[in-house]
C-alpha atoms as a PDB file:
ATOM      1  CA  MET A   1       6.730   2.675   6.045  1.00  0.00           C
ATOM      2  CA  THR A   2       7.962   6.224   5.106  1.00  0.00           C
ATOM      3  CA  ASN A   3       5.451   9.301   4.083  1.00  0.00           C
ATOM      4  CA  ASN A   4       6.687   8.762   0.512  1.00  0.00           C
ATOM      5  CA  PHE A   5       4.873   5.541   0.222  1.00  0.00           C
ATOM      6  CA  LYS A   6       2.709   5.703  -3.107  1.00  0.00           C
ATOM      7  CA  SER A   7      -0.627   4.187  -3.634  1.00  0.00           C
ATOM      8  CA  GLY A   8      -3.470   4.764  -5.985  1.00  0.00           C
ATOM      9  CA  PHE A   9      -6.225   3.001  -8.410  1.00  0.00           C
ATOM     10  CA  VAL A  10      -5.280   2.597 -12.045  1.00  0.00           C
ATOM     11  CA  ALA A  11      -8.461   1.646 -14.508  1.00  0.00           C
ATOM     12  CA  ILE A  12      -7.771  -0.339 -17.292  1.00  0.00           C
ATOM     13  CA  VAL A  13     -10.560   0.580 -20.138  1.00  0.00           C
ATOM     14  CA  GLY A  14     -11.258   0.067 -23.478  1.00  0.00           C
ATOM     15  CA  ARG A  15     -13.512  -1.696 -26.202  1.00  0.00           C
ATOM     16  CA  PRO A  16     -14.385  -5.158 -25.749  1.00  0.00           C
ATOM     17  CA  ASN A  17     -11.616  -7.831 -26.426  1.00  0.00           C
ATOM     18  CA  VAL A  18      -8.490  -5.657 -26.770  1.00  0.00           C
ATOM     19  CA  GLY A  19      -6.732  -7.632 -23.916  1.00  0.00           C
ATOM     20  CA  LYS A  20      -7.472  -5.869 -20.642  1.00  0.00           C
ATOM     21  CA  SER A  21      -7.744  -8.967 -18.499  1.00  0.00           C
ATOM     22  CA  THR A  22      -4.524 -10.424 -20.203  1.00  0.00           C
ATOM     23  CA  LEU A  23      -2.866  -7.384 -19.228  1.00  0.00           C
ATOM     24  CA  LEU A  24      -3.951  -7.555 -15.762  1.00  0.00           C
ATOM     25  CA  ASN A  25      -2.739 -10.993 -15.373  1.00  0.00           C
ATOM     26  CA  ARG A  26       0.647 -10.311 -16.887  1.00  0.00           C
ATOM     27  CA  ILE A  27       1.119  -7.466 -14.436  1.00  0.00           C
ATOM     28  CA  LEU A  28       0.317  -9.742 -11.393  1.00  0.00           C
ATOM     29  CA  GLY A  29       1.987 -12.662 -12.627  1.00  0.00           C
ATOM     30  CA  GLN A  30      -0.988 -14.997 -12.008  1.00  0.00           C
ATOM     31  CA  LYS A  31      -4.330 -15.351 -13.624  1.00  0.00           C
ATOM     32  CA  ILE A  32      -7.290 -13.659 -11.562  1.00  0.00           C
ATOM     33  CA  ALA A  33      -9.129 -12.270 -14.593  1.00  0.00           C
ATOM     34  CA  ILE A  34     -10.888 -14.480 -17.162  1.00  0.00           C
ATOM     35  CA  THR A  35      -9.936 -14.322 -20.933  1.00  0.00           C
ATOM     36  CA  SER A  36     -11.424 -15.575 -24.202  1.00  0.00           C
ATOM     37  CA  ASN A  37     -11.469 -14.645 -27.814  1.00  0.00           C
ATOM     38  CA  LYS A  38     -14.825 -13.385 -27.447  1.00  0.00           C
ATOM     39  CA  PRO A  39     -16.173  -9.830 -26.331  1.00  0.00           C
ATOM     40  CA  GLN A  40     -17.777  -9.079 -23.347  1.00  0.00           C
ATOM     41  CA  THR A  41     -15.957 -11.581 -21.418  1.00  0.00           C
ATOM     42  CA  THR A  42     -15.390  -9.469 -18.371  1.00  0.00           C
ATOM     43  CA  ARG A  43     -18.705  -8.454 -16.702  1.00  0.00           C
ATOM     44  CA  ASN A  44     -17.432  -7.042 -13.313  1.00  0.00           C
ATOM     45  CA  ARG A  45     -14.766  -4.726 -12.185  1.00  0.00           C
ATOM     46  CA  ILE A  46     -11.733  -6.824 -10.947  1.00  0.00           C
ATOM     47  CA  LEU A  47      -9.272  -5.447  -8.403  1.00  0.00           C
ATOM     48  CA  GLY A  48      -5.564  -6.724  -8.919  1.00  0.00           C
ATOM     49  CA  ILE A  49      -3.025  -5.342  -6.278  1.00  0.00           C
ATOM     50  CA  HIS A  50       0.555  -4.738  -7.613  1.00  0.00           C
ATOM     51  CA  ASN A  51       3.300  -3.928  -4.890  1.00  0.00           C
ATOM     52  CA  PHE A  52       6.466  -2.363  -5.859  1.00  0.00           C
ATOM     53  CA  GLU A  53       9.216  -0.993  -3.742  1.00  0.00           C
ATOM     54  CA  GLY A  54       7.891   2.004  -1.898  1.00  0.00           C
ATOM     55  CA  GLY A  55       4.339   1.289  -3.161  1.00  0.00           C
ATOM     56  CA  GLN A  56       1.035  -0.062  -3.973  1.00  0.00           C
ATOM     57  CA  ALA A  57      -0.730   0.072  -7.713  1.00  0.00           C
ATOM     58  CA  LEU A  58      -4.317  -1.180  -7.449  1.00  0.00           C
ATOM     59  CA  PHE A  59      -5.576  -1.946 -10.973  1.00  0.00           C
ATOM     60  CA  VAL A  60      -9.304  -2.163 -11.920  1.00  0.00           C
ATOM     61  CA  ASP A  61      -9.980  -4.349 -14.735  1.00  0.00           C
ATOM     62  CA  THR A  62     -13.259  -3.116 -16.371  1.00  0.00           C
ATOM     63  CA  PRO A  63     -16.081  -4.523 -18.724  1.00  0.00           C
ATOM     64  CA  GLY A  64     -15.272  -3.750 -22.379  1.00  0.00           C
ATOM     65  CA  ILE A  65     -17.061  -0.102 -23.147  1.00  0.00           C
ATOM     66  CA  HIS A  66     -19.747  -0.725 -26.101  1.00  0.00           C
ATOM     67  CA  LYS A  67     -23.044   0.072 -26.898  1.00  0.00           C
ATOM     68  CA  PRO A  68     -25.205  -1.819 -24.398  1.00  0.00           C
ATOM     69  CA  LYS A  69     -28.256  -3.938 -25.575  1.00  0.00           C
ATOM     70  CA  GLY A  70     -30.312  -5.404 -22.403  1.00  0.00           C
ATOM     71  CA  LYS A  71     -29.975  -4.945 -18.793  1.00  0.00           C
ATOM     72  CA  LEU A  72     -26.611  -7.142 -18.051  1.00  0.00           C
ATOM     73  CA  ASN A  73     -25.021  -5.204 -20.887  1.00  0.00           C
ATOM     74  CA  ARG A  74     -25.936  -1.796 -19.398  1.00  0.00           C
ATOM     75  CA  TYR A  75     -24.472  -2.932 -16.267  1.00  0.00           C
ATOM     76  CA  MET A  76     -21.189  -4.172 -17.581  1.00  0.00           C
ATOM     77  CA  VAL A  77     -20.846  -0.576 -19.236  1.00  0.00           C
ATOM     78  CA  ASP A  78     -21.791   1.201 -16.224  1.00  0.00           C
ATOM     79  CA  GLN A  79     -19.116  -0.665 -14.275  1.00  0.00           C
ATOM     80  CA  ALA A  80     -16.501   0.426 -16.834  1.00  0.00           C
ATOM     81  CA  VAL A  81     -17.768   4.227 -16.805  1.00  0.00           C
ATOM     82  CA  LYS A  82     -17.953   4.535 -13.236  1.00  0.00           C
ATOM     83  CA  ALA A  83     -14.155   3.300 -12.894  1.00  0.00           C
ATOM     84  CA  CYS A  84     -13.150   6.137 -14.793  1.00  0.00           C
ATOM     85  CA  GLY A  85     -14.216   8.547 -12.378  1.00  0.00           C
ATOM     86  CA  ASP A  86     -12.962   7.069  -9.108  1.00  0.00           C
ATOM     87  CA  VAL A  87      -9.246   6.484 -10.148  1.00  0.00           C
ATOM     88  CA  ASP A  88      -5.787   8.120 -10.111  1.00  0.00           C
ATOM     89  CA  LEU A  89      -4.746   7.020 -13.437  1.00  0.00           C
ATOM     90  CA  VAL A  90      -6.594   5.449 -16.634  1.00  0.00           C
ATOM     91  CA  LEU A  91      -4.775   2.981 -18.983  1.00  0.00           C
ATOM     92  CA  PHE A  92      -6.851   3.398 -22.239  1.00  0.00           C
ATOM     93  CA  LEU A  93      -6.103   0.016 -24.145  1.00  0.00           C
ATOM     94  CA  VAL A  94      -6.348  -0.138 -27.866  1.00  0.00           C
ATOM     95  CA  GLU A  95      -5.114  -2.703 -30.460  1.00  0.00           C
ATOM     96  CA  ALA A  96      -2.129  -2.084 -32.561  1.00  0.00           C
ATOM     97  CA  ASN A  97      -3.639  -3.510 -35.739  1.00  0.00           C
ATOM     98  CA  ASP A  98      -6.711  -1.294 -35.304  1.00  0.00           C
ATOM     99  CA  SER A  99      -7.701   2.035 -36.479  1.00  0.00           C
ATOM    100  CA  LEU A 100      -9.221   5.129 -34.379  1.00  0.00           C
ATOM    101  CA  GLY A 101     -12.707   4.214 -34.947  1.00  0.00           C
ATOM    102  CA  GLY A 102     -16.182   5.005 -33.512  1.00  0.00           C
ATOM    103  CA  GLY A 103     -15.849   2.968 -30.347  1.00  0.00           C
ATOM    104  CA  ASP A 104     -12.638   4.332 -29.368  1.00  0.00           C
ATOM    105  CA  GLU A 105     -14.219   8.087 -30.093  1.00  0.00           C
ATOM    106  CA  TYR A 106     -17.107   7.169 -27.928  1.00  0.00           C
ATOM    107  CA  ILE A 107     -14.334   5.989 -25.195  1.00  0.00           C
ATOM    108  CA  LEU A 108     -12.195   9.434 -25.584  1.00  0.00           C
ATOM    109  CA  LYS A 109     -15.363  11.685 -25.107  1.00  0.00           C
ATOM    110  CA  LEU A 110     -16.059   9.569 -21.664  1.00  0.00           C
ATOM    111  CA  LEU A 111     -12.132  10.365 -20.708  1.00  0.00           C
ATOM    112  CA  GLU A 112     -12.587  14.014 -21.704  1.00  0.00           C
ATOM    113  CA  ARG A 113     -14.885  14.376 -18.620  1.00  0.00           C
ATOM    114  CA  SER A 114     -12.522  12.250 -16.472  1.00  0.00           C
ATOM    115  CA  LYS A 115     -10.189  14.382 -13.980  1.00  0.00           C
ATOM    116  CA  ALA A 116      -7.617  11.555 -13.916  1.00  0.00           C
ATOM    117  CA  PRO A 117      -4.840  11.402 -16.243  1.00  0.00           C
ATOM    118  CA  VAL A 118      -4.721   9.130 -19.024  1.00  0.00           C
ATOM    119  CA  CYS A 119      -2.232   7.036 -20.708  1.00  0.00           C
ATOM    120  CA  LEU A 120      -2.764   5.491 -24.180  1.00  0.00           C
ATOM    121  CA  ILE A 121      -1.458   1.871 -23.990  1.00  0.00           C
ATOM    122  CA  ILE A 122      -1.278   0.403 -27.623  1.00  0.00           C
ATOM    123  CA  ASN A 123      -1.720  -3.499 -27.294  1.00  0.00           C
ATOM    124  CA  LYS A 124      -0.516  -6.553 -29.742  1.00  0.00           C
ATOM    125  CA  ILE A 125       2.433  -4.406 -30.958  1.00  0.00           C
ATOM    126  CA  ASP A 126       3.893  -7.891 -32.254  1.00  0.00           C
ATOM    127  CA  LEU A 127       0.913  -7.892 -34.953  1.00  0.00           C
ATOM    128  CA  VAL A 128       2.168  -4.801 -36.784  1.00  0.00           C
ATOM    129  CA  LYS A 129       5.177  -3.253 -38.392  1.00  0.00           C
ATOM    130  CA  PRO A 130       6.567  -0.157 -37.066  1.00  0.00           C
ATOM    131  CA  PRO A 131       5.236   2.364 -39.811  1.00  0.00           C
ATOM    132  CA  SER A 132       1.785   1.484 -38.910  1.00  0.00           C
ATOM    133  CA  LEU A 133       2.315   1.780 -35.354  1.00  0.00           C
ATOM    134  CA  LEU A 134       3.792   5.151 -35.816  1.00  0.00           C
ATOM    135  CA  ARG A 135       0.757   6.120 -37.889  1.00  0.00           C
ATOM    136  CA  LEU A 136      -1.571   5.021 -35.267  1.00  0.00           C
ATOM    137  CA  ILE A 137       0.183   6.930 -32.489  1.00  0.00           C
ATOM    138  CA  ASP A 138       0.100  10.075 -34.512  1.00  0.00           C
ATOM    139  CA  ALA A 139      -3.763   9.753 -35.070  1.00  0.00           C
ATOM    140  CA  TYR A 140      -4.360   9.409 -31.317  1.00  0.00           C
ATOM    141  CA  SER A 141      -1.954  12.001 -30.350  1.00  0.00           C
ATOM    142  CA  LYS A 142      -3.680  14.691 -32.375  1.00  0.00           C
ATOM    143  CA  ARG A 143      -7.014  13.590 -30.964  1.00  0.00           C
ATOM    144  CA  PHE A 144      -6.196  13.568 -27.458  1.00  0.00           C
ATOM    145  CA  GLU A 145      -3.624  14.798 -24.834  1.00  0.00           C
ATOM    146  CA  PHE A 146      -2.089  11.584 -23.451  1.00  0.00           C
ATOM    147  CA  LYS A 147       0.186  11.734 -20.269  1.00  0.00           C
ATOM    148  CA  GLU A 148       2.072   8.702 -21.760  1.00  0.00           C
ATOM    149  CA  ILE A 149       1.823   6.514 -25.059  1.00  0.00           C
ATOM    150  CA  ILE A 150       3.182   2.949 -24.511  1.00  0.00           C
ATOM    151  CA  PRO A 151       3.202   0.275 -27.262  1.00  0.00           C
ATOM    152  CA  ILE A 152       3.013  -3.211 -25.461  1.00  0.00           C
ATOM    153  CA  SER A 153       2.238  -6.655 -26.169  1.00  0.00           C
ATOM    154  CA  ALA A 154       0.295  -8.169 -22.920  1.00  0.00           C
ATOM    155  CA  GLU A 155       0.318 -11.573 -24.316  1.00  0.00           C
ATOM    156  CA  LYS A 156       4.304 -11.851 -24.701  1.00  0.00           C
ATOM    157  CA  GLY A 157       4.962  -9.027 -21.596  1.00  0.00           C
ATOM    158  CA  ASP A 158       7.132  -6.758 -24.022  1.00  0.00           C
ATOM    159  CA  GLY A 159       6.712  -3.046 -22.957  1.00  0.00           C
ATOM    160  CA  VAL A 160       4.988  -4.147 -19.580  1.00  0.00           C
ATOM    161  CA  PRO A 161       7.965  -3.304 -17.468  1.00  0.00           C
ATOM    162  CA  GLN A 162       8.095  -0.124 -19.112  1.00  0.00           C
ATOM    163  CA  LEU A 163       4.418   0.844 -18.567  1.00  0.00           C
ATOM    164  CA  LEU A 164       4.959  -0.163 -14.751  1.00  0.00           C
ATOM    165  CA  ALA A 165       7.795   2.162 -14.632  1.00  0.00           C
ATOM    166  CA  ALA A 166       5.749   4.904 -16.037  1.00  0.00           C
ATOM    167  CA  ILE A 167       2.804   4.323 -13.811  1.00  0.00           C
ATOM    168  CA  GLU A 168       4.655   4.271 -10.342  1.00  0.00           C
ATOM    169  CA  PRO A 169       5.579   8.150 -10.564  1.00  0.00           C
ATOM    170  CA  CYS A 170       1.904   9.053 -11.259  1.00  0.00           C
ATOM    171  CA  LEU A 171       0.471   7.647  -8.146  1.00  0.00           C
ATOM    172  CA  PRO A 172      -0.144  10.065  -5.098  1.00  0.00           C
ATOM    173  CA  ASN A 173       1.440   9.423  -1.608  1.00  0.00           C
ATOM    174  CA  GLY A 174      -0.944   7.350   0.252  1.00  0.00           C
ATOM    175  CA  PRO A 175      -1.382   4.451   2.511  1.00  0.00           C
ATOM    176  CA  GLN A 176      -0.946   0.734   1.875  1.00  0.00           C
ATOM    177  CA  PHE A 177      -4.479  -0.478   1.016  1.00  0.00           C
ATOM    178  CA  TYR A 178      -3.697  -4.275   0.904  1.00  0.00           C
ATOM    179  CA  PRO A 179      -1.142  -6.571   2.601  1.00  0.00           C
ATOM    180  CA  ASP A 180       1.833  -7.790   0.478  1.00  0.00           C
ATOM    181  CA  ASP A 181       0.559 -11.241  -0.159  1.00  0.00           C
ATOM    182  CA  MET A 182      -2.958 -10.439  -1.650  1.00  0.00           C
ATOM    183  CA  LEU A 183      -3.596 -10.371  -5.377  1.00  0.00           C
ATOM    184  CA  THR A 184      -7.140  -9.310  -5.428  1.00  0.00           C
ATOM    185  CA  ASP A 185     -10.271  -8.115  -3.269  1.00  0.00           C
ATOM    186  CA  GLN A 186     -12.308 -10.763  -4.853  1.00  0.00           C
ATOM    187  CA  PRO A 187     -13.234 -13.847  -2.808  1.00  0.00           C
ATOM    188  CA  GLU A 188     -12.214 -17.317  -3.971  1.00  0.00           C
ATOM    189  CA  ARG A 189     -15.751 -18.259  -4.899  1.00  0.00           C
ATOM    190  CA  PHE A 190     -15.839 -15.419  -7.416  1.00  0.00           C
ATOM    191  CA  ILE A 191     -12.541 -16.502  -9.154  1.00  0.00           C
ATOM    192  CA  VAL A 192     -13.492 -20.015  -9.362  1.00  0.00           C
ATOM    193  CA  ALA A 193     -17.008 -19.279 -10.731  1.00  0.00           C
ATOM    194  CA  GLU A 194     -15.282 -17.122 -13.165  1.00  0.00           C
ATOM    195  CA  MET A 195     -13.041 -19.748 -14.336  1.00  0.00           C
ATOM    196  CA  VAL A 196     -15.850 -22.258 -14.920  1.00  0.00           C
ATOM    197  CA  ARG A 197     -17.713 -19.503 -17.249  1.00  0.00           C
ATOM    198  CA  GLU A 198     -14.295 -19.035 -19.188  1.00  0.00           C
ATOM    199  CA  LYS A 199     -14.278 -22.621 -19.970  1.00  0.00           C
ATOM    200  CA  VAL A 200     -17.912 -22.486 -21.060  1.00  0.00           C
ATOM    201  CA  MET A 201     -17.064 -19.263 -23.184  1.00  0.00           C
ATOM    202  CA  ARG A 202     -13.911 -20.945 -24.913  1.00  0.00           C
ATOM    203  CA  ARG A 203     -15.760 -24.310 -25.704  1.00  0.00           C
ATOM    204  CA  THR A 204     -19.106 -22.996 -26.957  1.00  0.00           C
ATOM    205  CA  SER A 205     -20.115 -20.526 -29.827  1.00  0.00           C
ATOM    206  CA  GLU A 206     -23.093 -18.411 -31.096  1.00  0.00           C
ATOM    207  CA  GLU A 207     -25.124 -16.777 -28.457  1.00  0.00           C
ATOM    208  CA  ILE A 208     -24.729 -19.414 -25.545  1.00  0.00           C
ATOM    209  CA  PRO A 209     -21.695 -17.619 -23.609  1.00  0.00           C
ATOM    210  CA  TYR A 210     -23.437 -14.583 -23.583  1.00  0.00           C
ATOM    211  CA  GLY A 211     -26.568 -16.187 -21.667  1.00  0.00           C
ATOM    212  CA  VAL A 212     -24.361 -17.900 -19.281  1.00  0.00           C
ATOM    213  CA  ALA A 213     -23.957 -17.218 -15.445  1.00  0.00           C
ATOM    214  CA  VAL A 214     -21.949 -19.567 -12.894  1.00  0.00           C
ATOM    215  CA  LYS A 215     -22.664 -19.431  -9.189  1.00  0.00           C
ATOM    216  CA  VAL A 216     -20.670 -21.667  -6.832  1.00  0.00           C
ATOM    217  CA  GLU A 217     -23.122 -23.210  -4.331  1.00  0.00           C
ATOM    218  CA  SER A 218     -20.497 -24.889  -1.974  1.00  0.00           C
ATOM    219  CA  PHE A 219     -17.034 -24.441  -1.313  1.00  0.00           C
ATOM    220  CA  GLU A 220     -15.620 -27.051   1.287  1.00  0.00           C
ATOM    221  CA  GLU A 221     -11.876 -27.463   2.401  1.00  0.00           C
ATOM    222  CA  LYS A 222     -10.812 -30.625   3.646  1.00  0.00           C
ATOM    223  CA  PRO A 223      -7.323 -29.939   5.097  1.00  0.00           C
ATOM    224  CA  GLU A 224      -6.851 -33.484   6.094  1.00  0.00           C
ATOM    225  CA  LYS A 225      -7.252 -34.623   2.617  1.00  0.00           C
ATOM    226  CA  ARG A 226      -5.482 -31.759   0.764  1.00  0.00           C
ATOM    227  CA  LEU A 227      -8.856 -31.309  -1.070  1.00  0.00           C
ATOM    228  CA  VAL A 228     -11.329 -28.670  -1.923  1.00  0.00           C
ATOM    229  CA  VAL A 229     -14.948 -29.661  -2.737  1.00  0.00           C
ATOM    230  CA  ILE A 230     -16.757 -27.362  -5.056  1.00  0.00           C
ATOM    231  CA  GLN A 231     -19.991 -27.578  -6.470  1.00  0.00           C
ATOM    232  CA  ALA A 232     -21.217 -24.933  -9.137  1.00  0.00           C
ATOM    233  CA  THR A 233     -24.187 -24.284 -11.131  1.00  0.00           C
ATOM    234  CA  ILE A 234     -24.185 -23.049 -14.629  1.00  0.00           C
ATOM    235  CA  HIS A 235     -27.056 -20.918 -15.447  1.00  0.00           C
ATOM    236  CA  VAL A 236     -28.353 -20.811 -18.945  1.00  0.00           C
ATOM    237  CA  GLU A 237     -31.482 -19.166 -20.631  1.00  0.00           C
ATOM    238  CA  ARG A 238     -32.514 -21.734 -22.847  1.00  0.00           C
ATOM    239  CA  ASP A 239     -33.225 -25.649 -22.733  1.00  0.00           C
ATOM    240  CA  SER A 240     -31.379 -25.872 -26.152  1.00  0.00           C
ATOM    241  CA  HIS A 241     -28.186 -24.064 -24.490  1.00  0.00           C
ATOM    242  CA  LYS A 242     -28.450 -26.660 -21.672  1.00  0.00           C
ATOM    243  CA  LYS A 243     -28.465 -29.683 -24.068  1.00  0.00           C
ATOM    244  CA  ILE A 244     -25.008 -28.260 -25.716  1.00  0.00           C
ATOM    245  CA  ILE A 245     -23.400 -27.649 -22.429  1.00  0.00           C
ATOM    246  CA  VAL A 246     -24.282 -31.183 -20.907  1.00  0.00           C
ATOM    247  CA  GLY A 247     -23.362 -32.624 -24.352  1.00  0.00           C
ATOM    248  CA  LYS A 248     -24.187 -35.986 -25.657  1.00  0.00           C
ATOM    249  CA  GLY A 249     -23.679 -38.489 -23.055  1.00  0.00           C
ATOM    250  CA  GLY A 250     -22.555 -35.899 -20.509  1.00  0.00           C
ATOM    251  CA  GLN A 251     -19.231 -35.438 -22.876  1.00  0.00           C
ATOM    252  CA  MET A 252     -19.189 -31.463 -22.769  1.00  0.00           C
ATOM    253  CA  ILE A 253     -19.941 -30.859 -19.198  1.00  0.00           C
ATOM    254  CA  ARG A 254     -17.260 -33.439 -18.363  1.00  0.00           C
ATOM    255  CA  LYS A 255     -14.749 -31.494 -20.425  1.00  0.00           C
ATOM    256  CA  LEU A 256     -15.743 -28.201 -18.893  1.00  0.00           C
ATOM    257  CA  GLY A 257     -15.230 -29.706 -15.662  1.00  0.00           C
ATOM    258  CA  GLN A 258     -11.731 -31.137 -16.480  1.00  0.00           C
ATOM    259  CA  ASP A 259     -10.657 -27.900 -17.951  1.00  0.00           C
ATOM    260  CA  ALA A 260     -12.101 -25.974 -15.064  1.00  0.00           C
ATOM    261  CA  ARG A 261     -10.447 -28.036 -12.455  1.00  0.00           C
ATOM    262  CA  TYR A 262      -7.070 -27.879 -13.711  1.00  0.00           C
ATOM    263  CA  GLU A 263      -7.113 -24.056 -13.837  1.00  0.00           C
ATOM    264  CA  ILE A 264      -8.775 -23.654 -10.098  1.00  0.00           C
ATOM    265  CA  GLU A 265      -6.116 -26.312  -8.840  1.00  0.00           C
ATOM    266  CA  ARG A 266      -3.418 -23.955 -10.032  1.00  0.00           C
ATOM    267  CA  PHE A 267      -5.191 -20.957  -8.770  1.00  0.00           C
ATOM    268  CA  LEU A 268      -5.606 -22.545  -5.225  1.00  0.00           C
ATOM    269  CA  GLY A 269      -2.688 -24.586  -5.079  1.00  0.00           C
ATOM    270  CA  THR A 270      -4.375 -27.700  -4.125  1.00  0.00           C
ATOM    271  CA  LYS A 271      -6.352 -30.830  -5.368  1.00  0.00           C
ATOM    272  CA  VAL A 272     -10.116 -29.798  -6.241  1.00  0.00           C
ATOM    273  CA  PHE A 273     -12.979 -32.224  -6.875  1.00  0.00           C
ATOM    274  CA  LEU A 274     -15.487 -30.117  -9.017  1.00  0.00           C
ATOM    275  CA  GLU A 275     -19.055 -31.132  -9.629  1.00  0.00           C
ATOM    276  CA  LEU A 276     -21.127 -29.053 -12.243  1.00  0.00           C
ATOM    277  CA  PHE A 277     -24.744 -28.786 -12.631  1.00  0.00           C
ATOM    278  CA  VAL A 278     -26.631 -26.960 -15.242  1.00  0.00           C
ATOM    279  CA  ARG A 279     -29.818 -25.095 -14.514  1.00  0.00           C
ATOM    280  CA  VAL A 280     -32.395 -23.297 -17.086  1.00  0.00           C
ATOM    281  CA  ASP A 281     -33.649 -19.846 -15.970  1.00  0.00           C
ATOM    282  CA  LYS A 282     -35.300 -18.446 -18.799  1.00  0.00           C
ATOM    283  CA  ASP A 283     -34.465 -14.953 -19.763  1.00  0.00           C
ATOM    284  CA  TRP A 284     -32.342 -14.437 -16.621  1.00  0.00           C
ATOM    285  CA  SER A 285     -30.277 -11.694 -18.142  1.00  0.00           C
ATOM    286  CA  GLN A 286     -33.214  -9.283 -18.436  1.00  0.00           C
ATOM    287  CA  SER A 287     -34.259 -10.058 -14.716  1.00  0.00           C
ATOM    288  CA  ASP A 288     -33.379  -7.626 -12.026  1.00  0.00           C
ATOM    289  CA  ARG A 289     -33.791 -10.145  -9.297  1.00  0.00           C
ATOM    290  CA  MET A 290     -31.784 -12.636 -11.127  1.00  0.00           C
ATOM    291  CA  LEU A 291     -29.045 -10.309 -12.166  1.00  0.00           C
ATOM    292  CA  ARG A 292     -28.860  -9.595  -8.137  1.00  0.00           C
ATOM    293  CA  GLU A 293     -28.869 -13.188  -7.333  1.00  0.00           C
ATOM    294  CA  MET A 294     -25.826 -13.786  -9.952  1.00  0.00           C
ATOM    295  CA  GLY A 295     -23.896 -10.784  -8.321  1.00  0.00           C
ATOM    296  CA  TYR A 296     -24.637  -8.236 -11.010  1.00  0.00           C
ATOM    297  CA  GLU A 297     -25.547  -5.210  -8.986  1.00  0.00           C
END
């Protein structure tokens, strides 16, 4: 490795549900961050490792920055804000079909205190016409001095190669932090738990997704059978939520298990036997002890 090797940390920040996790998955070419059409899907900082010729970019996917209500939400916002202070570059993601509103103003004020350069990434450009996109670029350009402004579609991949090409020169010279074959520093158990939670978020509505956490109780590899046996518990805050997730005659939890197993098998590259349980822990998201047990600390 030469002294010209480039490496650095890149935070992906923005309001909830603007496509941060979709962008990270697109960059890596594999799903490691869960997505849904519900805001506040991402709860933890997730590191994604992207290797390129002569360098390594470490992308930090963060929870959406919003006005927090409750301890879990404060934890999520803290994760995102801290990420901005520990990186070499910030990607501020906004939606092309939106305007510069109060939520984005709040984030821009945070970014003004960051020492890292900031690139504005305008996502979902497939949803707008060029005049609208140009007006949005003009509004943001007048508000903040961005290093680059790059329109993309994370869902379709448009503009993502140009984004990566713009990031690489911004990284400082440094070591290779992770081996070439690593995609994330998160353990398999964490990714598996997140994939189960994603299916709950996608198949349930109202307040249920926000009171759900998933914990993998056992993860046993059986190489002789080319099988991984996983037991996971879905924690909810209300008895009524448990009834919905289990469903009539256990129909809902079977569907959740089928959806999650398919996703987990693709991730692990092997057959999976997945067993799901549901447990009620009343108001766990407001308990410091339970938040620590669920990995939110």
